[in-house]
Amino acid sequence: MKISVLGDATTVTGFRLAGIRDAHEVSTPKEAVGLLRELVGDKEMGLVILTERIADEIRAEMEGITEGRITPLIVEIPDREGPMAKKVDPIKELIKRAVGVEIKFG
């Protein structure tokens, strides 16, 4: 199983230092969408890590690319500027899509 990272220069450098070789610095939404399509098409890809800001910029395209797919798992992480305020919890949405029911917390 492969792990890949898409993000800004700082995030990509950090993951490379941690041993992730398949790390891609992206600067435009178009570039991010193209790379995401390639990574999702790779049968050996198990996990794609995106920064929240990049994921937010390509949300519609990302949902279209991953619709109906179980793998790879796509995880959003904060970048160097910290976490973004979210309207929708991505983990909650992932569970809803996988299980088919919405789970309400406290």
Protein backbone atom coordinates (compact mmCIF):
# COMPACT_ATOMS: atom_id res chain seq x y z
CA MET A 1 0.00 0.00 0.00
CA LYS A 2 1.31 3.42 -0.99
CA ILE A 3 0.95 6.72 0.84
CA SER A 4 1.04 10.04 -0.96
CA VAL A 5 0.93 13.69 0.14
CA LEU A 6 -0.30 16.78 -1.72
CA GLY A 7 0.42 20.12 -0.12
CA ASP A 8 2.39 23.31 0.17
CA ALA A 9 6.20 23.29 0.26
CA THR A 10 6.44 23.21 4.06
CA THR A 11 4.01 20.31 4.46
CA VAL A 12 5.63 18.30 1.67
CA THR A 13 9.10 18.85 3.12
CA GLY A 14 7.94 17.69 6.55
CA PHE A 15 6.48 14.47 5.16
CA ARG A 16 9.58 13.82 3.06
CA LEU A 17 11.70 14.18 6.20
CA ALA A 18 9.37 11.67 7.87
CA GLY A 19 10.07 9.15 5.10
CA ILE A 20 7.15 9.66 2.68
CA ARG A 21 8.76 9.63 -0.75
CA ASP A 22 5.58 10.19 -2.77
CA ALA A 23 5.04 13.82 -1.72
CA HIS A 24 3.95 16.47 -4.22
CA GLU A 25 4.12 20.22 -3.84
CA VAL A 26 1.13 21.83 -5.58
CA SER A 27 0.57 25.51 -6.14
CA THR A 28 -2.64 25.63 -8.20
CA PRO A 29 -6.02 23.88 -7.92
CA LYS A 30 -5.63 22.58 -11.49
CA GLU A 31 -2.32 20.95 -10.59
CA ALA A 32 -3.87 19.41 -7.44
CA VAL A 33 -6.83 17.96 -9.37
CA GLY A 34 -4.54 16.41 -11.99
CA LEU A 35 -2.31 14.79 -9.38
CA LEU A 36 -5.30 13.58 -7.36
CA ARG A 37 -6.74 11.89 -10.46
CA GLU A 38 -3.43 10.10 -11.04
CA LEU A 39 -3.14 9.00 -7.41
CA VAL A 40 -6.73 7.76 -7.17
CA GLY A 41 -6.20 5.80 -10.38
CA ASP A 42 -3.20 3.96 -8.90
CA LYS A 43 -4.46 0.57 -7.66
CA GLU A 44 -1.67 0.37 -5.06
CA MET A 45 -2.51 3.76 -3.49
CA GLY A 46 -3.99 3.31 -0.02
CA LEU A 47 -3.81 6.80 1.52
CA VAL A 48 -3.72 10.31 0.08
CA ILE A 49 -3.02 13.15 2.50
CA LEU A 50 -4.09 16.66 1.45
CA THR A 51 -3.82 19.95 3.24
CA GLU A 52 -7.20 21.41 4.19
CA ARG A 53 -6.66 24.52 2.07
CA ILE A 54 -5.96 22.54 -1.09
CA ALA A 55 -8.89 20.20 -0.39
CA ASP A 56 -11.16 23.20 0.14
CA GLU A 57 -10.12 24.69 -3.22
CA ILE A 58 -10.86 21.47 -5.13
CA ARG A 59 -13.77 20.11 -3.04
CA ALA A 60 -16.24 19.65 -5.94
CA GLU A 61 -13.68 17.99 -8.22
CA MET A 62 -12.41 15.83 -5.35
CA GLU A 63 -15.90 14.52 -4.59
CA GLY A 64 -16.42 13.70 -8.28
CA ILE A 65 -13.09 11.86 -8.51
CA THR A 66 -13.67 9.77 -5.38
CA GLU A 67 -17.41 9.14 -5.69
CA GLY A 68 -18.22 5.45 -5.42
CA ARG A 69 -14.67 4.52 -4.44
CA ILE A 70 -13.56 3.02 -1.17
CA THR A 71 -9.83 3.40 -1.71
CA PRO A 72 -7.67 5.31 -1.46
CA LEU A 73 -8.62 6.91 1.82
CA ILE A 74 -8.28 10.69 1.54
CA VAL A 75 -7.37 12.56 4.72
CA GLU A 76 -7.24 16.32 5.15
CA ILE A 77 -4.70 17.82 7.52
CA PRO A 78 -3.99 21.41 8.62
CA ASP A 79 -1.12 23.22 6.94
CA ARG A 80 1.39 25.54 8.60
CA GLU A 81 -1.31 28.19 9.11
CA GLY A 82 -3.32 25.85 11.35
CA PRO A 83 -6.73 24.24 11.06
CA MET A 84 -9.51 25.86 9.05
CA ALA A 85 -13.00 26.41 10.44
CA LYS A 86 -15.23 23.75 8.89
CA LYS A 87 -18.91 23.74 8.12
CA VAL A 88 -18.89 19.96 7.62
CA ASP A 89 -16.77 17.43 9.50
CA PRO A 90 -14.96 15.34 6.85
CA ILE A 91 -14.71 12.26 9.10
CA LYS A 92 -18.44 12.40 9.80
CA GLU A 93 -19.12 12.66 6.06
CA LEU A 94 -16.79 9.74 5.32
CA ILE A 95 -18.64 7.58 7.85
CA LYS A 96 -21.98 8.66 6.39
CA ARG A 97 -20.87 7.71 2.87
CA ALA A 98 -19.33 4.38 3.96
CA VAL A 99 -22.07 3.22 6.33
CA GLY A 100 -25.05 4.98 4.81
CA VAL A 101 -26.26 6.60 8.03
CA GLU A 102 -25.42 9.85 9.77
CA ILE A 103 -23.89 9.56 13.21
CA LYS A 104 -24.70 12.37 15.61
CA PHE A 105 -22.20 13.23 18.32
CA GLY A 106 -23.20 14.75 21.70
